[in-house]
Amino acid sequence: MRTLRLSLFAALAGLMLLTANATRADEEDGIPSFKSSKDRDTEAFATKVGTAIVKAARSKPADVKLEKYSYSSPKEGRKDLKIKMGYKGSITKKQFHSDIVVKIDSGDDKKWEVLNIDYEDDNKTSLAKPNKAKIQELIKKFNR
């Protein structure tokens, strides 16, 4: 019985370590959390969010920069973070612009939750379309 408890404890500790490492890796990648961040209204936060979304949407964008951002309240308990980003194609070095809308449940002011992400850009030279699956995967990371 003691061996079983020790094995369960070791498995639980390993699982916690893996979860902590994944969260730390996201933070190192610059993916912020909407749930725990106190600086959601800053330019630095919007830059991190926009950069993460552009990098998920396009393969190897270069010189990703925030052009503008703003919050709006479409209805009670909801917010839209509107971000305009600029980036260059890694091969063509041509400048492109993207429009991003992060739809947020802001009912609990301390724990926002991302509901959806809309992404569009003016990159018509690429054969590949923006990777919507990778963009939607970011929702989990933003909500951790």
Foldseek 3Di string as FASTA:
>chain_A
DVVVVVVVVVVVVVVVVVVVVVLVVCVVLLQAAQFADPPCPDPSNLQSPVVQLVCQFDPDWAPKDWDDWDWDDPDPQKIKIWTKIWTADPPPRDIKIKIKIFIWRCNPVNGIATDAMDIDMDPPPDPDGTDRVSNRVSRVSRRD
